[in-house]
Amino acid sequence: MTAPTEAFAWRLRGHLYRRIRDTGAVPSRAELATDFGGADTEIHRALRFLADACVLALDEHGEVWMAHPFSAVPTPYRVETPAGAYWANCAWDAIAIPVTLDTDGRTSSRCPHSGAVIDLVVTGGRVEPGGTVVLLPVPARRFWDDIGFT
């Protein structure tokens, strides 16, 4: 990618995250093209650049699937904050969303092993209940080997 195209990709990233913050939804490629007045091919190239840089993940159609910590699709992790509600990719991201937005938040999910309900609450940047453990199934250095599983 050329420097001007890279600069466009990083501007697009900022816009994408602001849209998610403000609306609670990940915009489509067509919506991003409308917002930027650009061609779909330009948006696609910029999103591909960001995906190759491990900034976000694209689905099989080239749409944003994950803009970490936000998910474009419903998951077991719905995060409620005073700013709005968001889908998270996993428990780790459910904690990261309120921290990223500098707000409080909560998500209710189930333990994948026991089925017990787990309420994670972030207040003032601290996670409750204390002693909560989030299992990361692979080492962080391998997250992008299969980001959909991780």
N, C-alpha and C. Protein backbone atom coordinates (compact mmCIF):
# COMPACT_ATOMS: atom_id res chain seq x y z
N MET A 1 0.84 -1.19 0.00
CA MET A 1 0.00 0.00 0.00
C MET A 1 0.88 1.24 0.00
N THR A 2 0.48 2.23 -0.74
CA THR A 2 1.23 3.47 -0.77
C THR A 2 0.92 4.29 0.47
N ALA A 3 1.80 5.22 0.79
CA ALA A 3 1.62 6.03 2.00
C ALA A 3 0.27 6.75 2.03
N PRO A 4 -0.19 7.39 0.92
CA PRO A 4 -1.50 8.05 0.98
C PRO A 4 -2.63 7.05 1.25
N THR A 5 -2.53 5.83 0.68
CA THR A 5 -3.56 4.84 0.91
C THR A 5 -3.53 4.35 2.35
N GLU A 6 -2.32 4.18 2.90
CA GLU A 6 -2.20 3.80 4.31
C GLU A 6 -2.81 4.89 5.19
N ALA A 7 -2.54 6.14 4.87
CA ALA A 7 -3.11 7.24 5.65
C ALA A 7 -4.63 7.18 5.60
N PHE A 8 -5.18 6.89 4.42
CA PHE A 8 -6.63 6.74 4.28
C PHE A 8 -7.13 5.61 5.16
N ALA A 9 -6.43 4.48 5.17
CA ALA A 9 -6.85 3.34 5.98
C ALA A 9 -6.90 3.70 7.46
N TRP A 10 -5.90 4.42 7.94
CA TRP A 10 -5.90 4.80 9.36
C TRP A 10 -7.00 5.81 9.67
N ARG A 11 -7.30 6.72 8.74
CA ARG A 11 -8.42 7.65 8.95
C ARG A 11 -9.74 6.87 8.98
N LEU A 12 -9.85 5.89 8.09
CA LEU A 12 -11.05 5.06 8.05
C LEU A 12 -11.21 4.30 9.37
N ARG A 13 -10.12 3.80 9.90
CA ARG A 13 -10.17 3.11 11.19
C ARG A 13 -10.73 4.01 12.28
N GLY A 14 -10.23 5.23 12.36
CA GLY A 14 -10.74 6.17 13.37
C GLY A 14 -12.22 6.42 13.20
N HIS A 15 -12.64 6.60 11.97
CA HIS A 15 -14.06 6.83 11.69
C HIS A 15 -14.89 5.60 12.08
N LEU A 16 -14.39 4.42 11.72
CA LEU A 16 -15.08 3.17 12.04
C LEU A 16 -15.32 3.05 13.54
N TYR A 17 -14.31 3.30 14.33
CA TYR A 17 -14.44 3.18 15.79
C TYR A 17 -15.36 4.25 16.36
N ARG A 18 -15.32 5.44 15.81
CA ARG A 18 -16.26 6.48 16.29
C ARG A 18 -17.70 6.08 15.97
N ARG A 19 -17.93 5.54 14.78
CA ARG A 19 -19.28 5.07 14.41
C ARG A 19 -19.76 3.99 15.37
N ILE A 20 -18.89 3.04 15.68
CA ILE A 20 -19.26 1.98 16.61
C ILE A 20 -19.58 2.57 17.97
N ARG A 21 -18.73 3.45 18.46
CA ARG A 21 -18.95 4.09 19.75
C ARG A 21 -20.29 4.81 19.79
N ASP A 22 -20.61 5.53 18.73
CA ASP A 22 -21.80 6.37 18.71
C ASP A 22 -23.09 5.61 18.43
N THR A 23 -23.01 4.51 17.68
CA THR A 23 -24.23 3.81 17.27
C THR A 23 -24.39 2.43 17.89
N GLY A 24 -23.31 1.85 18.39
CA GLY A 24 -23.37 0.50 18.92
C GLY A 24 -23.32 -0.57 17.85
N ALA A 25 -23.13 -0.16 16.59
CA ALA A 25 -23.12 -1.12 15.49
C ALA A 25 -21.90 -0.89 14.61
N VAL A 26 -21.40 -1.97 14.05
CA VAL A 26 -20.28 -1.87 13.10
C VAL A 26 -20.87 -1.56 11.74
N PRO A 27 -20.44 -0.46 11.11
CA PRO A 27 -21.00 -0.09 9.80
C PRO A 27 -20.54 -1.04 8.70
N SER A 28 -21.37 -1.16 7.69
CA SER A 28 -21.02 -1.98 6.52
C SER A 28 -20.02 -1.24 5.65
N ARG A 29 -19.44 -1.97 4.73
CA ARG A 29 -18.52 -1.36 3.76
C ARG A 29 -19.24 -0.29 2.95
N ALA A 30 -20.49 -0.55 2.56
CA ALA A 30 -21.27 0.44 1.80
C ALA A 30 -21.50 1.70 2.63
N GLU A 31 -21.80 1.54 3.90
CA GLU A 31 -21.99 2.71 4.77
C GLU A 31 -20.70 3.50 4.89
N LEU A 32 -19.58 2.81 5.01
CA LEU A 32 -18.29 3.50 5.10
C LEU A 32 -18.00 4.24 3.80
N ALA A 33 -18.32 3.63 2.67
CA ALA A 33 -18.11 4.30 1.38
C ALA A 33 -18.96 5.55 1.28
N THR A 34 -20.20 5.48 1.75
CA THR A 34 -21.07 6.66 1.74
C THR A 34 -20.52 7.74 2.66
N ASP A 35 -20.09 7.35 3.86
CA ASP A 35 -19.53 8.31 4.82
C ASP A 35 -18.32 9.03 4.25
N PHE A 36 -17.49 8.28 3.53
CA PHE A 36 -16.24 8.84 3.02
C PHE A 36 -16.35 9.35 1.59
N GLY A 37 -17.49 9.12 0.95
CA GLY A 37 -17.64 9.53 -0.44
C GLY A 37 -16.65 8.82 -1.33
N GLY A 38 -16.25 7.62 -0.92
CA GLY A 38 -15.25 6.88 -1.69
C GLY A 38 -15.85 5.68 -2.39
N ALA A 39 -15.06 5.11 -3.24
CA ALA A 39 -15.48 3.90 -3.95
C ALA A 39 -15.35 2.70 -3.04
N ASP A 40 -16.22 1.71 -3.27
CA ASP A 40 -16.17 0.49 -2.48
C ASP A 40 -14.81 -0.18 -2.58
N THR A 41 -14.18 -0.13 -3.75
CA THR A 41 -12.87 -0.77 -3.90
C THR A 41 -11.82 -0.10 -3.01
N GLU A 42 -11.91 1.21 -2.87
CA GLU A 42 -10.97 1.93 -2.00
C GLU A 42 -11.21 1.54 -0.55
N ILE A 43 -12.46 1.45 -0.15
CA ILE A 43 -12.80 1.05 1.22
C ILE A 43 -12.32 -0.39 1.45
N HIS A 44 -12.58 -1.26 0.48
CA HIS A 44 -12.16 -2.66 0.61
C HIS A 44 -10.64 -2.77 0.78
N ARG A 45 -9.89 -2.05 -0.03
CA ARG A 45 -8.42 -2.08 0.08
C ARG A 45 -7.97 -1.59 1.45
N ALA A 46 -8.60 -0.53 1.94
CA ALA A 46 -8.22 0.01 3.25
C ALA A 46 -8.56 -0.99 4.36
N LEU A 47 -9.72 -1.61 4.29
CA LEU A 47 -10.09 -2.61 5.30
C LEU A 47 -9.16 -3.82 5.22
N ARG A 48 -8.78 -4.22 4.03
CA ARG A 48 -7.85 -5.35 3.87
C ARG A 48 -6.50 -5.01 4.50
N PHE A 49 -6.03 -3.76 4.28
CA PHE A 49 -4.79 -3.31 4.90
C PHE A 49 -4.89 -3.41 6.43
N LEU A 50 -6.01 -2.94 6.99
CA LEU A 50 -6.19 -2.98 8.45
C LEU A 50 -6.29 -4.42 8.95
N ALA A 51 -6.91 -5.28 8.18
CA ALA A 51 -6.99 -6.69 8.56
C ALA A 51 -5.59 -7.33 8.53
N ASP A 52 -4.83 -7.02 7.50
CA ASP A 52 -3.47 -7.56 7.40
C ASP A 52 -2.58 -7.04 8.53
N ALA A 53 -2.91 -5.86 9.07
CA ALA A 53 -2.18 -5.29 10.19
C ALA A 53 -2.72 -5.79 11.53
N CYS A 54 -3.66 -6.74 11.49
CA CYS A 54 -4.27 -7.32 12.70
C CYS A 54 -4.98 -6.26 13.55
N VAL A 55 -5.59 -5.29 12.88
CA VAL A 55 -6.36 -4.25 13.56
C VAL A 55 -7.82 -4.67 13.65
N LEU A 56 -8.29 -5.37 12.62
CA LEU A 56 -9.66 -5.87 12.59
C LEU A 56 -9.70 -7.16 11.79
N ALA A 57 -10.83 -7.83 11.84
CA ALA A 57 -10.99 -9.07 11.08
C ALA A 57 -12.17 -8.90 10.13
N LEU A 58 -12.02 -9.44 8.93
CA LEU A 58 -13.06 -9.36 7.92
C LEU A 58 -13.73 -10.72 7.75
N ASP A 59 -15.01 -10.68 7.36
CA ASP A 59 -15.69 -11.94 7.07
C ASP A 59 -15.39 -12.34 5.62
N GLU A 60 -16.01 -13.42 5.16
CA GLU A 60 -15.73 -13.95 3.82
C GLU A 60 -16.17 -13.02 2.70
N HIS A 61 -16.98 -11.99 3.02
CA HIS A 61 -17.44 -11.03 2.02
C HIS A 61 -16.67 -9.71 2.08
N GLY A 62 -15.67 -9.65 2.96
CA GLY A 62 -14.88 -8.43 3.08
C GLY A 62 -15.51 -7.38 3.98
N GLU A 63 -16.55 -7.77 4.72
CA GLU A 63 -17.17 -6.86 5.70
C GLU A 63 -16.44 -6.98 7.03
N VAL A 64 -16.48 -5.92 7.83
CA VAL A 64 -15.86 -5.98 9.15
C VAL A 64 -16.64 -6.96 10.01
N TRP A 65 -15.94 -7.94 10.53
CA TRP A 65 -16.51 -8.95 11.41
C TRP A 65 -16.17 -8.61 12.86
N MET A 66 -14.92 -8.22 13.09
CA MET A 66 -14.45 -7.84 14.42
C MET A 66 -13.60 -6.59 14.30
N ALA A 67 -13.93 -5.59 15.07
CA ALA A 67 -13.08 -4.41 15.23
C ALA A 67 -12.81 -4.36 16.72
N HIS A 68 -11.81 -5.07 17.11
CA HIS A 68 -11.56 -5.34 18.53
C HIS A 68 -11.58 -4.08 19.38
N PRO A 69 -12.33 -4.14 20.46
CA PRO A 69 -12.99 -5.29 21.09
C PRO A 69 -14.44 -5.49 20.64
N PHE A 70 -14.87 -4.82 19.61
CA PHE A 70 -16.27 -4.86 19.18
C PHE A 70 -16.51 -5.96 18.15
N SER A 71 -17.70 -6.57 18.22
CA SER A 71 -18.11 -7.57 17.24
C SER A 71 -19.21 -6.98 16.37
N ALA A 72 -19.18 -7.33 15.09
CA ALA A 72 -20.22 -6.88 14.17
C ALA A 72 -21.44 -7.79 14.20
N VAL A 73 -21.30 -8.93 14.85
CA VAL A 73 -22.38 -9.91 14.90
C VAL A 73 -22.73 -10.21 16.35
N PRO A 74 -23.96 -10.59 16.61
CA PRO A 74 -24.34 -10.96 17.98
C PRO A 74 -23.49 -12.12 18.51
N THR A 75 -23.14 -12.02 19.76
CA THR A 75 -22.34 -13.03 20.46
C THR A 75 -22.96 -13.26 21.84
N PRO A 76 -22.46 -14.18 22.62
CA PRO A 76 -22.95 -14.34 23.99
C PRO A 76 -22.57 -13.18 24.92
N TYR A 77 -21.84 -12.20 24.40
CA TYR A 77 -21.33 -11.11 25.23
C TYR A 77 -21.91 -9.76 24.79
N ARG A 78 -23.04 -9.41 25.36
CA ARG A 78 -23.66 -8.10 25.11
C ARG A 78 -23.25 -7.19 26.25
N VAL A 79 -22.59 -6.11 25.93
CA VAL A 79 -22.06 -5.19 26.93
C VAL A 79 -22.97 -3.96 27.00
N GLU A 80 -23.49 -3.70 28.18
CA GLU A 80 -24.35 -2.53 28.41
C GLU A 80 -23.52 -1.47 29.12
N THR A 81 -23.53 -0.26 28.57
CA THR A 81 -22.82 0.87 29.18
C THR A 81 -23.75 2.08 29.16
N PRO A 82 -23.43 3.12 29.94
CA PRO A 82 -24.22 4.35 29.85
C PRO A 82 -24.18 4.96 28.44
N ALA A 83 -23.12 4.66 27.68
CA ALA A 83 -22.98 5.20 26.32
C ALA A 83 -23.79 4.42 25.29
N GLY A 84 -24.17 3.19 25.60
CA GLY A 84 -24.90 2.35 24.66
C GLY A 84 -24.59 0.89 24.89
N ALA A 85 -25.11 0.05 24.03
CA ALA A 85 -24.90 -1.39 24.12
C ALA A 85 -24.07 -1.86 22.92
N TYR A 86 -23.21 -2.82 23.16
CA TYR A 86 -22.27 -3.28 22.14
C TYR A 86 -22.11 -4.79 22.23
N TRP A 87 -21.80 -5.42 21.13
CA TRP A 87 -21.45 -6.83 21.11
C TRP A 87 -19.94 -6.94 21.26
N ALA A 88 -19.51 -7.84 22.14
CA ALA A 88 -18.09 -8.14 22.31
C ALA A 88 -17.81 -9.52 21.73
N ASN A 89 -16.57 -9.75 21.34
CA ASN A 89 -16.18 -11.03 20.76
C ASN A 89 -16.02 -12.13 21.79
N CYS A 90 -15.67 -11.76 23.01
CA CYS A 90 -15.37 -12.74 24.05
C CYS A 90 -15.42 -12.03 25.41
N ALA A 91 -15.20 -12.78 26.48
CA ALA A 91 -15.23 -12.20 27.82
C ALA A 91 -14.15 -11.13 27.98
N TRP A 92 -12.98 -11.40 27.42
CA TRP A 92 -11.87 -10.43 27.49
C TRP A 92 -12.29 -9.11 26.84
N ASP A 93 -12.91 -9.18 25.66
CA ASP A 93 -13.37 -7.98 24.96
C ASP A 93 -14.53 -7.32 25.69
N ALA A 94 -15.36 -8.11 26.37
CA ALA A 94 -16.47 -7.54 27.15
C ALA A 94 -15.95 -6.66 28.27
N ILE A 95 -14.81 -7.00 28.80
CA ILE A 95 -14.16 -6.16 29.81
C ILE A 95 -13.51 -4.95 29.14
N ALA A 96 -12.94 -5.16 27.95
CA ALA A 96 -12.21 -4.09 27.26
C ALA A 96 -13.12 -2.98 26.75
N ILE A 97 -14.37 -3.30 26.40
CA ILE A 97 -15.24 -2.26 25.83
C ILE A 97 -15.46 -1.10 26.80
N PRO A 98 -15.90 -1.32 28.04
CA PRO A 98 -16.06 -0.17 28.93
C PRO A 98 -14.74 0.55 29.20
N VAL A 99 -13.67 -0.21 29.30
CA VAL A 99 -12.36 0.41 29.54
C VAL A 99 -11.97 1.28 28.35
N THR A 100 -12.17 0.76 27.12
CA THR A 100 -11.86 1.51 25.91
C THR A 100 -12.68 2.79 25.82
N LEU A 101 -13.96 2.69 26.20
CA LEU A 101 -14.86 3.84 26.12
C LEU A 101 -14.77 4.75 27.35
N ASP A 102 -13.92 4.38 28.31
CA ASP A 102 -13.75 5.15 29.54
C ASP A 102 -15.08 5.36 30.25
N THR A 103 -15.80 4.24 30.43
CA THR A 103 -17.09 4.27 31.09
C THR A 103 -17.26 2.99 31.90
N ASP A 104 -18.35 2.87 32.59
CA ASP A 104 -18.68 1.64 33.30
C ASP A 104 -19.48 0.75 32.37
N GLY A 105 -19.55 -0.53 32.71
CA GLY A 105 -20.33 -1.44 31.88
C GLY A 105 -20.54 -2.78 32.55
N ARG A 106 -21.42 -3.55 31.95
CA ARG A 106 -21.68 -4.89 32.48
C ARG A 106 -22.08 -5.80 31.34
N THR A 107 -21.75 -7.06 31.53
CA THR A 107 -22.18 -8.10 30.60
C THR A 107 -22.53 -9.33 31.41
N SER A 108 -23.52 -10.02 30.94
CA SER A 108 -23.94 -11.26 31.58
C SER A 108 -23.78 -12.37 30.55
N SER A 109 -23.09 -13.43 30.96
CA SER A 109 -22.86 -14.54 30.06
C SER A 109 -22.93 -15.83 30.87
N ARG A 110 -22.56 -16.91 30.26
CA ARG A 110 -22.55 -18.20 30.94
C ARG A 110 -21.17 -18.84 30.84
N CYS A 111 -20.80 -19.51 31.90
CA CYS A 111 -19.56 -20.28 31.92
C CYS A 111 -19.69 -21.39 30.88
N PRO A 112 -18.72 -21.51 29.97
CA PRO A 112 -18.84 -22.53 28.93
C PRO A 112 -18.75 -23.96 29.48
N HIS A 113 -18.24 -24.12 30.70
CA HIS A 113 -18.10 -25.45 31.28
C HIS A 113 -19.29 -25.84 32.15
N SER A 114 -19.71 -24.93 33.05
CA SER A 114 -20.78 -25.27 34.00
C SER A 114 -22.14 -24.74 33.58
N GLY A 115 -22.16 -23.73 32.72
CA GLY A 115 -23.42 -23.09 32.35
C GLY A 115 -23.88 -22.05 33.35
N ALA A 116 -23.11 -21.86 34.41
CA ALA A 116 -23.48 -20.87 35.43
C ALA A 116 -23.44 -19.46 34.85
N VAL A 117 -24.38 -18.62 35.27
CA VAL A 117 -24.41 -17.23 34.83
C VAL A 117 -23.24 -16.49 35.47
N ILE A 118 -22.56 -15.71 34.65
CA ILE A 118 -21.45 -14.89 35.13
C ILE A 118 -21.76 -13.45 34.75
N ASP A 119 -21.83 -12.60 35.75
CA ASP A 119 -22.01 -11.17 35.52
C ASP A 119 -20.67 -10.49 35.72
N LEU A 120 -20.17 -9.87 34.66
CA LEU A 120 -18.94 -9.09 34.75
C LEU A 120 -19.33 -7.62 34.76
N VAL A 121 -18.82 -6.92 35.75
CA VAL A 121 -19.12 -5.50 35.89
C VAL A 121 -17.80 -4.73 35.92
N VAL A 122 -17.72 -3.69 35.11
CA VAL A 122 -16.56 -2.81 35.12
C VAL A 122 -17.02 -1.48 35.69
N THR A 123 -16.43 -1.10 36.80
CA THR A 123 -16.76 0.17 37.45
C THR A 123 -15.46 0.90 37.75
N GLY A 124 -15.34 2.09 37.21
CA GLY A 124 -14.12 2.86 37.45
C GLY A 124 -12.86 2.14 36.99
N GLY A 125 -12.99 1.34 35.93
CA GLY A 125 -11.84 0.62 35.39
C GLY A 125 -11.50 -0.66 36.14
N ARG A 126 -12.29 -1.03 37.13
CA ARG A 126 -12.05 -2.26 37.90
C ARG A 126 -13.12 -3.29 37.58
N VAL A 127 -12.71 -4.54 37.52
CA VAL A 127 -13.63 -5.63 37.19
C VAL A 127 -14.12 -6.31 38.45
N GLU A 128 -15.42 -6.52 38.50
CA GLU A 128 -16.05 -7.26 39.59
C GLU A 128 -16.81 -8.43 38.98
N PRO A 129 -16.97 -9.52 39.60
CA PRO A 129 -16.48 -9.79 40.95
C PRO A 129 -14.98 -10.00 40.95
N GLY A 130 -14.36 -9.62 42.06
CA GLY A 130 -12.93 -9.83 42.23
C GLY A 130 -12.62 -11.31 42.12
N GLY A 131 -11.49 -11.62 41.59
CA GLY A 131 -11.09 -13.01 41.44
C GLY A 131 -11.62 -13.67 40.19
N THR A 132 -12.36 -12.92 39.36
CA THR A 132 -12.88 -13.48 38.11
C THR A 132 -11.71 -13.87 37.21
N VAL A 133 -11.83 -15.01 36.60
CA VAL A 133 -10.80 -15.51 35.70
C VAL A 133 -11.38 -15.59 34.29
N VAL A 134 -10.66 -15.03 33.33
CA VAL A 134 -11.03 -15.16 31.92
C VAL A 134 -10.01 -16.09 31.29
N LEU A 135 -10.47 -17.22 30.77
CA LEU A 135 -9.59 -18.20 30.16
C LEU A 135 -9.26 -17.80 28.74
N LEU A 136 -8.00 -17.73 28.44
CA LEU A 136 -7.53 -17.49 27.08
C LEU A 136 -7.03 -18.84 26.56
N PRO A 137 -7.73 -19.42 25.58
CA PRO A 137 -7.43 -20.80 25.18
C PRO A 137 -6.10 -21.00 24.46
N VAL A 138 -5.51 -19.93 23.97
CA VAL A 138 -4.20 -20.02 23.31
C VAL A 138 -3.34 -18.86 23.79
N PRO A 139 -2.02 -18.99 23.68
CA PRO A 139 -1.15 -17.87 24.06
C PRO A 139 -1.42 -16.65 23.18
N ALA A 140 -1.26 -15.47 23.73
CA ALA A 140 -1.53 -14.23 23.01
C ALA A 140 -0.77 -14.16 21.68
N ARG A 141 0.41 -14.69 21.61
CA ARG A 141 1.19 -14.64 20.37
C ARG A 141 0.53 -15.43 19.25
N ARG A 142 -0.45 -16.28 19.58
CA ARG A 142 -1.12 -17.10 18.58
C ARG A 142 -2.56 -16.67 18.32
N PHE A 143 -3.01 -15.57 18.92
CA PHE A 143 -4.40 -15.13 18.75
C PHE A 143 -4.80 -15.04 17.29
N TRP A 144 -3.96 -14.45 16.46
CA TRP A 144 -4.32 -14.20 15.07
C TRP A 144 -4.17 -15.41 14.18
N ASP A 145 -3.70 -16.53 14.73
CA ASP A 145 -3.67 -17.77 13.95
C ASP A 145 -5.10 -18.18 13.57
N ASP A 146 -6.04 -17.95 14.48
CA ASP A 146 -7.46 -18.25 14.25
C ASP A 146 -8.28 -17.33 15.16
N ILE A 147 -8.33 -16.05 14.80
CA ILE A 147 -8.94 -15.04 15.67
C ILE A 147 -10.41 -15.33 15.97
N GLY A 148 -11.10 -16.01 15.11
CA GLY A 148 -12.49 -16.35 15.36
C GLY A 148 -12.65 -17.36 16.47
N PHE A 149 -11.68 -18.22 16.65
CA PHE A 149 -11.70 -19.20 17.73
C PHE A 149 -11.23 -18.57 19.03
N THR A 150 -10.19 -17.73 18.93
CA THR A 150 -9.57 -17.16 20.11
C THR A 150 -10.55 -16.24 20.78
